[in-house]
Protein backbone atom coordinates (compact mmCIF):
# COMPACT_ATOMS: atom_id res chain seq x y z
CA MET A 1 229.38 -13.12 16.71
CA ALA A 2 227.50 -13.82 13.49
CA THR A 3 227.73 -11.26 10.73
CA PHE A 4 224.72 -9.12 9.89
CA GLU A 5 224.33 -11.07 6.64
CA VAL A 6 224.12 -14.38 8.52
CA GLN A 7 221.62 -12.90 10.99
CA VAL A 8 219.42 -11.57 8.16
CA GLU A 9 219.60 -14.91 6.36
CA GLY A 10 218.49 -16.64 9.55
CA LEU A 11 215.42 -14.39 9.81
CA THR A 12 214.46 -14.58 6.14
CA SER A 13 215.59 -18.06 5.00
CA LEU A 14 217.36 -16.30 2.13
CA THR A 15 220.85 -17.02 0.84
CA LEU A 16 222.63 -13.87 -0.22
CA ASP A 17 225.64 -13.35 -2.45
CA GLY A 18 226.90 -10.91 -5.05
CA SER A 19 224.17 -11.75 -7.56
CA SER A 20 221.22 -12.76 -5.38
CA ALA A 21 218.06 -10.75 -4.87
CA PRO A 22 218.77 -8.76 -2.85
CA THR A 23 222.53 -8.67 -3.34
CA GLN A 24 225.02 -8.34 -0.50
CA ASP A 25 225.66 -4.75 -1.55
CA GLU A 26 221.94 -4.02 -1.38
CA LEU A 27 221.86 -5.52 2.11
CA THR A 28 224.67 -3.14 3.10
CA GLN A 29 222.48 -0.26 1.91
CA PHE A 30 219.46 -1.61 3.83
CA LEU A 31 221.52 -1.91 7.03
CA THR A 32 222.97 1.58 6.60
CA ASP A 33 219.51 3.04 5.97
CA GLY A 34 218.21 1.19 9.01
CA ALA A 35 220.92 2.57 11.30
CA LYS A 36 220.08 6.09 10.11
CA GLU A 37 216.35 5.66 10.68
CA ILE A 38 216.94 4.20 14.14
CA ILE A 39 219.27 7.05 15.15
CA ASN A 40 216.63 9.55 14.01
CA ASN A 41 214.17 7.86 16.38
CA LEU A 42 216.48 7.54 19.39
CA PRO A 43 215.63 9.38 22.61
CA GLY A 44 217.98 12.21 23.52
CA HIS A 45 219.86 10.31 26.21
CA LEU A 46 221.10 7.76 23.66
CA LEU A 47 222.26 10.23 21.00
CA PRO A 48 225.67 10.84 22.65
CA LEU A 49 226.44 7.17 21.96
CA CYS A 50 226.21 7.96 18.23
CA ALA A 51 228.27 11.14 18.28
CA SER A 52 231.74 12.07 17.09
CA SER A 53 233.93 15.01 18.09
CA ASN A 54 235.19 17.58 15.59
CA THR A 55 237.46 20.63 15.87
CA PHE A 56 237.78 23.93 13.98
CA THR A 57 238.78 27.55 14.51
CA SER A 58 236.02 30.05 15.21
CA GLY A 59 235.53 32.52 12.39
CA SER A 60 236.21 29.75 9.84
CA ALA A 61 232.79 28.24 9.25
CA GLU A 62 232.63 24.45 9.59
CA THR A 63 230.56 22.61 6.96
CA LEU A 64 228.02 20.27 8.54
CA VAL A 65 226.88 16.84 7.40
CA THR A 66 224.17 16.55 10.07
CA GLY A 67 221.83 18.91 11.87
CA LYS A 68 222.08 16.95 15.12
CA ILE A 69 224.62 19.05 17.04
CA LEU A 70 224.81 17.99 20.68
CA ASN A 71 227.19 20.60 22.09
CA VAL A 72 229.74 23.24 21.05
CA PHE A 73 232.74 24.55 23.00
CA ARG A 74 235.29 27.36 22.56
CA ASN A 75 238.55 27.33 24.47
CA ASP A 76 239.21 30.57 26.38
CA GLY A 77 242.88 29.77 26.92
CA ASP A 78 242.29 27.72 30.05
CA ILE A 79 239.12 25.68 29.66
CA ASN A 80 236.53 24.78 27.03
CA GLN A 81 233.64 27.16 27.52
CA PRO A 82 230.19 25.94 26.46
CA CYS A 83 228.69 28.00 23.65
CA ARG A 84 225.12 29.21 23.73
CA LYS A 85 223.13 28.82 20.55
CA ILE A 86 221.77 31.87 18.76
CA PRO A 87 219.82 32.35 15.53
CA ALA A 88 222.11 33.19 12.61
CA LYS A 89 220.34 36.53 12.19
CA GLN A 90 221.74 37.66 15.55
CA LYS A 91 225.42 37.15 14.66
CA GLY A 92 225.79 40.90 14.11
CA LYS A 93 224.35 41.78 17.51
CA VAL A 94 226.68 39.43 19.39
CA SER A 95 229.66 41.03 17.65
CA ASP A 96 228.69 44.48 18.99
CA PRO A 97 230.47 45.20 22.31
CA ASP A 98 227.70 47.67 23.22
CA ASP A 99 225.00 45.02 22.92
CA MET A 100 223.89 43.07 25.98
CA ALA A 101 224.14 39.85 23.96
CA TYR A 102 227.80 40.49 23.11
CA ALA A 103 229.78 37.24 22.84
CA THR A 104 232.97 36.97 24.89
CA ILE A 105 235.63 34.30 25.34
CA THR A 106 233.94 33.23 28.58
CA ASP A 107 230.44 33.46 27.09
CA PRO A 108 230.83 32.38 23.45
CA VAL A 109 228.00 31.68 21.04
CA PHE A 110 227.45 29.40 18.07
CA PHE A 111 225.07 29.54 15.17
CA ILE A 112 224.19 27.50 12.10
CA ASP A 113 223.90 29.34 8.81
CA ASN A 114 223.61 27.86 5.30
CA ASN A 115 224.72 24.37 6.38
CA THR A 116 227.73 25.69 8.30
CA LEU A 117 228.54 26.00 11.98
CA ASP A 118 230.49 28.95 13.38
CA VAL A 119 231.42 30.36 16.78
CA LEU A 120 231.99 33.88 18.07
CA PRO A 121 234.29 35.45 19.15
CA ALA A 122 236.44 34.48 16.19
CA GLY A 123 239.96 33.16 16.40
CA GLY A 124 239.48 30.56 19.10
CA SER A 125 239.96 26.79 19.16
CA CYS A 126 236.54 25.14 19.01
CA SER A 127 235.12 21.67 19.24
CA TYR A 128 231.66 20.25 18.76
CA SER A 129 229.91 16.93 19.13
CA ALA A 130 227.58 15.83 16.35
CA VAL A 131 225.60 12.70 15.62
CA ALA A 132 227.33 10.58 12.99
CA TYR A 133 225.45 8.12 10.78
CA PRO A 134 227.43 4.89 10.30
CA SER A 135 227.90 2.82 7.17
CA VAL A 136 226.99 -0.76 8.04
CA ALA A 137 228.54 -3.49 5.89
CA TYR A 138 226.79 -6.83 5.43
CA SER A 139 230.01 -8.55 6.55
CA ALA A 140 230.19 -6.64 9.84
CA SER A 141 229.01 -8.03 13.17
CA ALA A 142 228.95 -4.82 15.23
CA ILE A 143 228.41 -1.09 14.70
CA ALA A 144 230.85 1.40 16.18
CA ALA A 145 229.42 4.45 17.94
CA PHE A 146 225.94 2.93 18.13
CA PRO A 147 223.93 1.83 21.19
CA ASN A 148 224.09 -1.93 21.75
CA GLU A 149 220.43 -2.04 22.74
CA ALA A 150 219.46 -0.80 19.26
CA GLU A 151 221.79 -2.95 17.16
CA HIS A 152 219.31 -5.82 16.74
CA LEU A 153 216.85 -3.36 15.20
CA VAL A 154 219.30 -2.74 12.35
CA VAL A 155 219.22 -6.48 11.60
CA LEU A 156 215.42 -6.49 11.69
CA TYR A 157 215.32 -3.51 9.32
CA GLY A 158 217.71 -5.26 6.93
CA ALA A 159 215.61 -8.43 7.05
CA ILE A 160 212.38 -6.52 6.40
CA LYS A 161 213.82 -4.71 3.40
CA SER A 162 215.33 -7.95 2.06
CA LEU A 163 211.95 -9.68 2.19
CA GLN A 164 210.27 -6.68 0.57
CA ASN A 165 212.86 -6.91 -2.20
CA VAL A 166 212.15 -10.61 -2.73
CA LEU A 167 208.38 -10.10 -2.72
CA ALA A 168 208.69 -7.30 -5.27
CA ASN A 169 210.80 -9.54 -7.50
CA MET A 170 208.27 -12.35 -7.17
CA ASP A 171 205.48 -9.94 -8.13
CA SER A 172 207.38 -8.75 -11.17
CA SER A 173 208.02 -12.33 -12.26
CA ILE A 174 204.29 -12.73 -12.94
CA VAL A 175 204.06 -10.92 -16.26
CA HIS A 176 200.78 -9.72 -17.72
CA SER A 177 200.08 -10.70 -21.31
CA ASP A 178 198.31 -8.02 -23.36
CA GLN A 179 197.30 -10.58 -25.96
CA ASP A 180 194.93 -12.78 -23.98
CA GLY A 181 194.61 -10.95 -20.66
CA SER A 182 196.18 -13.82 -18.72
CA TYR A 183 199.33 -14.00 -16.67
CA SER A 184 202.36 -16.21 -16.95
CA ALA A 185 205.53 -16.59 -14.94
CA SER A 186 208.68 -15.44 -16.65
CA SER A 187 210.25 -18.78 -15.70
CA SER A 188 207.44 -20.90 -17.08
CA SER A 189 205.06 -21.05 -19.99
CA SER A 190 202.29 -22.59 -17.84
CA GLN A 191 198.92 -20.89 -17.99
CA GLY A 192 196.80 -20.04 -14.93
CA TRP A 193 199.15 -17.56 -13.32
CA GLU A 194 196.29 -15.07 -13.29
CA LYS A 195 194.80 -17.20 -10.49
CA VAL A 196 198.03 -16.95 -8.53
CA ARG A 197 198.06 -13.17 -8.85
CA ASP A 198 194.39 -12.97 -7.85
CA TYR A 199 195.03 -15.13 -4.79
CA LEU A 200 198.05 -13.10 -3.69
CA HIS A 201 196.53 -9.65 -4.23
CA SER A 202 192.89 -10.16 -3.36
CA ASP A 203 191.42 -7.67 -0.88
CA GLU A 204 189.87 -10.65 0.88
CA ASP A 205 191.67 -13.15 3.11
CA THR A 206 194.85 -14.10 1.27
CA GLU A 207 195.04 -17.53 2.90
CA ILE A 208 194.44 -20.01 0.10
CA SER A 209 192.37 -23.08 0.92
CA ASN A 210 193.90 -26.50 0.38
CA ALA A 211 191.37 -27.21 -2.36
CA SER A 212 192.25 -24.02 -4.22
CA LEU A 213 195.94 -24.70 -3.78
CA GLN A 214 195.61 -28.22 -5.14
CA ALA A 215 193.98 -26.83 -8.28
CA LEU A 216 197.25 -25.09 -9.13
CA SER A 217 200.28 -26.73 -10.69
CA SER A 218 203.08 -27.84 -8.38
CA GLU A 219 205.18 -24.90 -9.55
CA MET A 220 202.38 -22.48 -8.74
CA GLN A 221 201.75 -24.13 -5.36
CA GLN A 222 205.39 -23.69 -4.39
CA PHE A 223 205.36 -20.09 -5.59
CA VAL A 224 202.25 -19.25 -3.54
CA THR A 225 203.52 -21.04 -0.42
CA GLU A 226 206.87 -19.23 -0.53
CA TYR A 227 205.25 -15.88 -1.24
CA GLN A 228 202.80 -16.15 1.64
CA TRP A 229 205.46 -17.31 4.11
CA ARG A 230 207.70 -14.37 3.19
CA GLU A 231 204.79 -11.95 3.37
CA LYS A 232 203.83 -13.16 6.85
CA GLN A 233 207.44 -13.16 8.03
CA GLN A 234 207.93 -9.62 6.77
CA ALA A 235 204.82 -8.51 8.70
CA LYS A 236 206.04 -10.27 11.86
CA LEU A 237 209.49 -8.69 11.63
CA GLN A 238 207.90 -5.29 10.98
CA ALA A 239 205.86 -5.63 14.17
CA ASP A 240 208.99 -6.64 16.14
CA TYR A 241 210.90 -3.68 14.69
CA GLU A 242 208.21 -1.16 15.60
CA LYS A 243 207.89 -2.64 19.09
CA GLY A 244 211.66 -2.37 19.52
CA LEU A 245 211.67 1.29 18.46
CA GLN A 246 208.95 2.06 21.00
CA ALA A 247 210.91 0.28 23.73
CA LEU A 248 213.93 2.50 23.11
CA GLY A 249 211.81 5.57 23.75
């Protein structure tokens, strides 16, 4: 299977390496951010596919890295008993044997307090399942503990962010001159770049007529053509991404 980098390059017509814009490391960040956003939008029945199991001893609070806790168990000596969730403010009540809400080894409770998870009664072997956000390397071709039906959306997200990165760099390459009010490209001393910027950022239809395009230099024509293709491709991929998210739900 093709790596995520190759898939993104195929969608964007970009060639990425360690010094490109975006870089391969930046693509890794885009893919990782995408996986996190997608998990946060998954329906409940798919979240167990993104979960990992963790163990601790009740009474010794477990530090959390996510608020998406799927289930908590405490072993009563024979089986893992499911824990009922309570507000942290009730942890005193459930420790009182005279209270109706008293926690027992066959009816344990869990609560989250100050970014930690704990279970009562104390002293028992506990386990919990929590959603884990993966790190997705550009060189990878699959994501562990992630639903297969959502994996292509990570690629789309990475492609969208890569094109946004390129478009931002293209924008910044057209530098405003305070001396004469015109624009010029950082890679060229040609004048007339103010027209390019006006074309690309007009509130009106951004499609440039052939006549207007011909009035620009060949360098400007190529710049405009590439910019508009990338802008349209980014919008198309964005629509595909949003449609895919809706389909998951």
